[in-house]
Amino acid sequence: MLPWYDFAWLGLVAVIAGMMNALAGGGTLLTFPVLMAFGLPAVVANVTNTLALLPGTVGGTLAQWDEMKTQARRLVFFLPFAILGGLIGGILLLNSGERVFRQVVPFLILMASLLLAAQERLKVFVARRLEKHASGKSSLWWSAAPVLLAAVYGGYFGAGLVSFCCPFSA
C-alpha cells in the first residue's frame, strides 16, 4: 500500500495533467510515466491511464454535441473505421505482452510528443489541403486511413491520443 503522500503526489500530477489537457492536450504523456514510476506495470498503467480519460471524453462529447449533430454524416461514415481500429489496437495490446509493450512505448511517447509540438502547424496544413481538394465523398475516403490509424494507436496506447488525432481534425 502506498503512503498517503504518494496519493497526494498522484493527485497533484492528475490536476496538472487535467490542466494540460484543457489547454493543449498531452496530459496523459505526463500521467502514464508517473503511474509506471509508482510501480504499475506498463500495460496496467496504460489501461488505467486510458480509462481515466473516459469522464473527460464523455464531457467533451456532451459539450460539443450540437457541433457533432451537424457532422452526423461524417460521424456515421467514420465510426466503423474507429471501432475497427480500436479493436485492432486492443487486440495488439493484449497479444503483445508487457515486454514488447515496454520496448515500443518510448517511440509512441516520442511520436505523440512531436505531434503535440507540431499540432498547430499540422492543423493549418491539413485545413489548407482540405480546402484545396475537398470533393465530398472522395475526401471522406482519404480521411478514413488517418482515422483508422489513430484508432489503432488509441486502442493500443491511449496516452497522447489527442495529439495524434488533432492534426486530422481541422
C-alpha atoms as a PDB file:
ATOM      1  CA  MET A   1       0.000   0.000   0.000  1.00  0.00           C
ATOM      2  CA  LEU A   2       1.282   3.419  -0.931  1.00  0.00           C
ATOM      3  CA  PRO A   3       1.786   6.005   1.802  1.00  0.00           C
ATOM      4  CA  TRP A   4      -0.618   8.966   1.882  1.00  0.00           C
ATOM      5  CA  TYR A   5       1.909  11.395   0.400  1.00  0.00           C
ATOM      6  CA  ASP A   6       2.237   9.236  -2.713  1.00  0.00           C
ATOM      7  CA  PHE A   7      -1.503   9.623  -3.249  1.00  0.00           C
ATOM      8  CA  ALA A   8      -1.059  13.376  -2.782  1.00  0.00           C
ATOM      9  CA  TRP A   9       1.652  13.388  -5.494  1.00  0.00           C
ATOM     10  CA  LEU A  10      -0.535  11.325  -7.805  1.00  0.00           C
ATOM     11  CA  GLY A  11      -3.430  13.724  -7.205  1.00  0.00           C
ATOM     12  CA  LEU A  12      -1.233  16.719  -7.978  1.00  0.00           C
ATOM     13  CA  VAL A  13       0.002  15.102 -11.193  1.00  0.00           C
ATOM     14  CA  ALA A  14      -3.609  14.348 -12.163  1.00  0.00           C
ATOM     15  CA  VAL A  15      -4.601  18.003 -11.642  1.00  0.00           C
ATOM     16  CA  ILE A  16      -1.617  19.235 -13.688  1.00  0.00           C
ATOM     17  CA  ALA A  17      -2.412  16.712 -16.448  1.00  0.00           C
ATOM     18  CA  GLY A  18      -6.037  17.858 -16.455  1.00  0.00           C
ATOM     19  CA  MET A  19      -4.901  21.456 -16.915  1.00  0.00           C
ATOM     20  CA  MET A  20      -2.568  20.367 -19.710  1.00  0.00           C
ATOM     21  CA  ASN A  21      -5.436  18.547 -21.432  1.00  0.00           C
ATOM     22  CA  ALA A  22      -7.687  21.591 -21.112  1.00  0.00           C
ATOM     23  CA  LEU A  23      -5.078  23.910 -22.603  1.00  0.00           C
ATOM     24  CA  ALA A  24      -3.321  21.894 -25.292  1.00  0.00           C
ATOM     25  CA  GLY A  25      -3.639  18.156 -24.694  1.00  0.00           C
ATOM     26  CA  GLY A  26      -0.877  15.744 -23.797  1.00  0.00           C
ATOM     27  CA  GLY A  27      -1.647  15.338 -20.097  1.00  0.00           C
ATOM     28  CA  THR A  28      -1.567  11.574 -20.413  1.00  0.00           C
ATOM     29  CA  LEU A  29       2.019  11.835 -21.597  1.00  0.00           C
ATOM     30  CA  LEU A  30       2.706  13.012 -18.039  1.00  0.00           C
ATOM     31  CA  THR A  31       0.457  10.636 -16.108  1.00  0.00           C
ATOM     32  CA  PHE A  32       1.491   7.437 -17.891  1.00  0.00           C
ATOM     33  CA  PRO A  33       5.190   7.596 -16.886  1.00  0.00           C
ATOM     34  CA  VAL A  34       4.224   8.710 -13.377  1.00  0.00           C
ATOM     35  CA  LEU A  35       1.979   5.668 -12.955  1.00  0.00           C
ATOM     36  CA  MET A  36       4.875   3.482 -14.056  1.00  0.00           C
ATOM     37  CA  ALA A  37       7.229   5.306 -11.674  1.00  0.00           C
ATOM     38  CA  PHE A  38       4.842   4.419  -8.852  1.00  0.00           C
ATOM     39  CA  GLY A  39       5.251   0.745  -9.681  1.00  0.00           C
ATOM     40  CA  LEU A  40       2.417  -0.141 -12.040  1.00  0.00           C
ATOM     41  CA  PRO A  41       3.359  -2.490 -14.877  1.00  0.00           C
ATOM     42  CA  ALA A  42       3.391  -0.674 -18.241  1.00  0.00           C
ATOM     43  CA  VAL A  43       0.261  -2.348 -19.648  1.00  0.00           C
ATOM     44  CA  VAL A  44      -1.686  -1.747 -16.409  1.00  0.00           C
ATOM     45  CA  ALA A  45      -0.532   1.897 -16.344  1.00  0.00           C
ATOM     46  CA  ASN A  46      -1.652   2.237 -19.969  1.00  0.00           C
ATOM     47  CA  VAL A  47      -5.116   0.812 -19.319  1.00  0.00           C
ATOM     48  CA  THR A  48      -5.506   2.860 -16.116  1.00  0.00           C
ATOM     49  CA  ASN A  49      -4.419   5.997 -17.923  1.00  0.00           C
ATOM     50  CA  THR A  50      -6.780   5.393 -20.832  1.00  0.00           C
ATOM     51  CA  LEU A  51      -9.774   4.631 -18.598  1.00  0.00           C
ATOM     52  CA  ALA A  52      -9.077   7.806 -16.625  1.00  0.00           C
ATOM     53  CA  LEU A  53      -9.809   9.743 -19.821  1.00  0.00           C
ATOM     54  CA  LEU A  54     -13.367   8.422 -20.043  1.00  0.00           C
ATOM     55  CA  PRO A  55     -15.081  11.148 -17.955  1.00  0.00           C
ATOM     56  CA  GLY A  56     -13.339  13.899 -19.929  1.00  0.00           C
ATOM     57  CA  THR A  57     -14.216  12.218 -23.206  1.00  0.00           C
ATOM     58  CA  VAL A  58     -17.880  11.966 -22.237  1.00  0.00           C
ATOM     59  CA  GLY A  59     -17.838  15.589 -21.048  1.00  0.00           C
ATOM     60  CA  GLY A  60     -16.191  16.785 -24.244  1.00  0.00           C
ATOM     61  CA  THR A  61     -18.694  14.845 -26.336  1.00  0.00           C
ATOM     62  CA  LEU A  62     -21.624  16.389 -24.474  1.00  0.00           C
ATOM     63  CA  ALA A  63     -20.091  19.868 -24.691  1.00  0.00           C
ATOM     64  CA  GLN A  64     -19.738  19.550 -28.471  1.00  0.00           C
ATOM     65  CA  TRP A  65     -22.988  17.693 -29.065  1.00  0.00           C
ATOM     66  CA  ASP A  66     -24.563  20.465 -31.180  1.00  0.00           C
ATOM     67  CA  GLU A  67     -21.485  20.602 -33.440  1.00  0.00           C
ATOM     68  CA  MET A  68     -21.462  16.818 -33.695  1.00  0.00           C
ATOM     69  CA  LYS A  69     -25.075  16.787 -34.865  1.00  0.00           C
ATOM     70  CA  THR A  70     -24.067  18.959 -37.826  1.00  0.00           C
ATOM     71  CA  GLN A  71     -21.425  16.340 -38.681  1.00  0.00           C
ATOM     72  CA  ALA A  72     -23.732  13.316 -38.366  1.00  0.00           C
ATOM     73  CA  ARG A  73     -22.979  12.028 -41.877  1.00  0.00           C
ATOM     74  CA  ARG A  74     -19.222  12.101 -41.223  1.00  0.00           C
ATOM     75  CA  LEU A  75     -19.618  10.506 -37.796  1.00  0.00           C
ATOM     76  CA  VAL A  76     -21.629   7.636 -39.238  1.00  0.00           C
ATOM     77  CA  PHE A  77     -19.047   7.197 -42.001  1.00  0.00           C
ATOM     78  CA  PHE A  78     -16.003   7.210 -39.657  1.00  0.00           C
ATOM     79  CA  LEU A  79     -17.499   5.172 -36.799  1.00  0.00           C
ATOM     80  CA  PRO A  80     -16.804   1.729 -38.341  1.00  0.00           C
ATOM     81  CA  PHE A  81     -13.169   2.732 -39.013  1.00  0.00           C
ATOM     82  CA  ALA A  82     -12.782   3.982 -35.440  1.00  0.00           C
ATOM     83  CA  ILE A  83     -14.313   0.837 -33.947  1.00  0.00           C
ATOM     84  CA  LEU A  84     -12.237  -1.455 -36.165  1.00  0.00           C
ATOM     85  CA  GLY A  85      -9.036   0.448 -35.364  1.00  0.00           C
ATOM     86  CA  GLY A  86      -9.745   0.424 -31.640  1.00  0.00           C
ATOM     87  CA  LEU A  87     -10.369  -3.317 -31.715  1.00  0.00           C
ATOM     88  CA  ILE A  88      -7.162  -3.939 -33.681  1.00  0.00           C
ATOM     89  CA  GLY A  89      -5.163  -1.823 -31.227  1.00  0.00           C
ATOM     90  CA  GLY A  90      -6.691  -3.565 -28.225  1.00  0.00           C
ATOM     91  CA  ILE A  91      -6.015  -6.998 -29.680  1.00  0.00           C
ATOM     92  CA  LEU A  92      -2.419  -5.973 -30.413  1.00  0.00           C
ATOM     93  CA  LEU A  93      -2.030  -4.790 -26.811  1.00  0.00           C
ATOM     94  CA  LEU A  94      -3.458  -7.977 -25.345  1.00  0.00           C
ATOM     95  CA  ASN A  95      -1.288 -10.171 -27.559  1.00  0.00           C
ATOM     96  CA  SER A  96       2.000  -8.263 -27.497  1.00  0.00           C
ATOM     97  CA  GLY A  97       2.674  -8.672 -23.790  1.00  0.00           C
ATOM     98  CA  GLU A  98       4.429  -6.487 -21.232  1.00  0.00           C
ATOM     99  CA  ARG A  99       7.964  -6.876 -22.616  1.00  0.00           C
ATOM    100  CA  VAL A 100       7.122  -5.821 -26.177  1.00  0.00           C
ATOM    101  CA  PHE A 101       4.867  -3.035 -24.938  1.00  0.00           C
ATOM    102  CA  ARG A 102       7.677  -1.606 -22.756  1.00  0.00           C
ATOM    103  CA  GLN A 103      10.000  -1.635 -25.782  1.00  0.00           C
ATOM    104  CA  VAL A 104       7.524   0.153 -28.055  1.00  0.00           C
ATOM    105  CA  VAL A 105       6.280   2.766 -25.566  1.00  0.00           C
ATOM    106  CA  PRO A 106       9.245   5.180 -25.762  1.00  0.00           C
ATOM    107  CA  PHE A 107       8.741   5.500 -29.518  1.00  0.00           C
ATOM    108  CA  LEU A 108       4.996   6.028 -29.091  1.00  0.00           C
ATOM    109  CA  ILE A 109       5.609   8.737 -26.478  1.00  0.00           C
ATOM    110  CA  LEU A 110       8.166  10.406 -28.762  1.00  0.00           C
ATOM    111  CA  MET A 111       5.756  10.311 -31.707  1.00  0.00           C
ATOM    112  CA  ALA A 112       2.889  11.730 -29.645  1.00  0.00           C
ATOM    113  CA  SER A 113       5.143  14.441 -28.186  1.00  0.00           C
ATOM    114  CA  LEU A 114       6.344  15.503 -31.628  1.00  0.00           C
ATOM    115  CA  LEU A 115       2.775  15.609 -32.938  1.00  0.00           C
ATOM    116  CA  LEU A 116       1.688  17.623 -29.901  1.00  0.00           C
ATOM    117  CA  ALA A 117       4.500  20.120 -30.515  1.00  0.00           C
ATOM    118  CA  ALA A 118       3.621  20.423 -34.211  1.00  0.00           C
ATOM    119  CA  GLN A 119      -0.164  20.174 -33.948  1.00  0.00           C
ATOM    120  CA  GLU A 120      -0.939  23.813 -34.860  1.00  0.00           C
ATOM    121  CA  ARG A 121       1.246  23.704 -37.978  1.00  0.00           C
ATOM    122  CA  LEU A 122      -0.218  20.357 -38.960  1.00  0.00           C
ATOM    123  CA  LYS A 123      -3.783  21.643 -38.478  1.00  0.00           C
ATOM    124  CA  VAL A 124      -3.080  24.567 -40.799  1.00  0.00           C
ATOM    125  CA  PHE A 125      -1.511  22.233 -43.372  1.00  0.00           C
ATOM    126  CA  VAL A 126      -4.440  19.790 -43.246  1.00  0.00           C
ATOM    127  CA  ALA A 127      -7.025  22.603 -43.387  1.00  0.00           C
ATOM    128  CA  ARG A 128      -5.361  24.076 -46.483  1.00  0.00           C
ATOM    129  CA  ARG A 129      -5.265  20.672 -48.179  1.00  0.00           C
ATOM    130  CA  LEU A 130      -8.928  20.104 -47.368  1.00  0.00           C
ATOM    131  CA  GLU A 131      -9.891  23.483 -48.822  1.00  0.00           C
ATOM    132  CA  LYS A 132      -7.911  22.788 -51.972  1.00  0.00           C
ATOM    133  CA  HIS A 133      -9.000  19.184 -52.533  1.00  0.00           C
ATOM    134  CA  ALA A 134     -12.317  18.784 -50.731  1.00  0.00           C
ATOM    135  CA  SER A 135     -14.672  16.954 -53.022  1.00  0.00           C
ATOM    136  CA  GLY A 136     -17.325  15.316 -50.903  1.00  0.00           C
ATOM    137  CA  LYS A 137     -17.113  11.530 -50.717  1.00  0.00           C
ATOM    138  CA  SER A 138     -13.591  11.196 -52.072  1.00  0.00           C
ATOM    139  CA  SER A 139     -12.144  13.379 -49.292  1.00  0.00           C
ATOM    140  CA  LEU A 140     -14.018  11.270 -46.733  1.00  0.00           C
ATOM    141  CA  TRP A 141     -12.413   8.102 -48.052  1.00  0.00           C
ATOM    142  CA  TRP A 142      -8.940   9.677 -47.920  1.00  0.00           C
ATOM    143  CA  SER A 143      -9.637  10.688 -44.315  1.00  0.00           C
ATOM    144  CA  ALA A 144     -10.606   7.148 -43.307  1.00  0.00           C
ATOM    145  CA  ALA A 145      -6.977   5.935 -43.188  1.00  0.00           C
ATOM    146  CA  PRO A 146      -5.853   8.515 -40.578  1.00  0.00           C
ATOM    147  CA  VAL A 147      -8.972   7.770 -38.516  1.00  0.00           C
ATOM    148  CA  LEU A 148      -8.234   4.038 -38.650  1.00  0.00           C
ATOM    149  CA  LEU A 149      -4.551   4.591 -37.734  1.00  0.00           C
ATOM    150  CA  ALA A 150      -5.439   6.932 -34.864  1.00  0.00           C
ATOM    151  CA  ALA A 151      -7.925   4.378 -33.560  1.00  0.00           C
ATOM    152  CA  VAL A 152      -5.343   1.561 -33.728  1.00  0.00           C
ATOM    153  CA  TYR A 153      -2.935   3.807 -31.825  1.00  0.00           C
ATOM    154  CA  GLY A 154      -5.635   4.648 -29.274  1.00  0.00           C
ATOM    155  CA  GLY A 155      -6.622   1.030 -28.823  1.00  0.00           C
ATOM    156  CA  TYR A 156      -3.002   0.077 -28.224  1.00  0.00           C
ATOM    157  CA  PHE A 157      -1.703   3.097 -26.319  1.00  0.00           C
ATOM    158  CA  GLY A 158      -4.107   5.756 -25.105  1.00  0.00           C
ATOM    159  CA  ALA A 159      -1.532   8.332 -23.965  1.00  0.00           C
ATOM    160  CA  GLY A 160      -1.238  11.271 -26.314  1.00  0.00           C
ATOM    161  CA  LEU A 161      -4.167  10.184 -28.454  1.00  0.00           C
ATOM    162  CA  VAL A 162      -5.459  13.739 -28.765  1.00  0.00           C
ATOM    163  CA  SER A 163      -2.096  14.912 -30.093  1.00  0.00           C
ATOM    164  CA  PHE A 164      -2.199  12.038 -32.584  1.00  0.00           C
ATOM    165  CA  CYS A 165      -5.705  12.958 -33.774  1.00  0.00           C
ATOM    166  CA  CYS A 166      -5.641  16.756 -33.687  1.00  0.00           C
ATOM    167  CA  PRO A 167      -3.804  17.299 -36.980  1.00  0.00           C
ATOM    168  CA  PHE A 168      -6.599  15.440 -38.763  1.00  0.00           C
ATOM    169  CA  SER A 169      -9.468  17.255 -37.060  1.00  0.00           C
ATOM    170  CA  ALA A 170      -9.027  20.634 -38.752  1.00  0.00           C
END
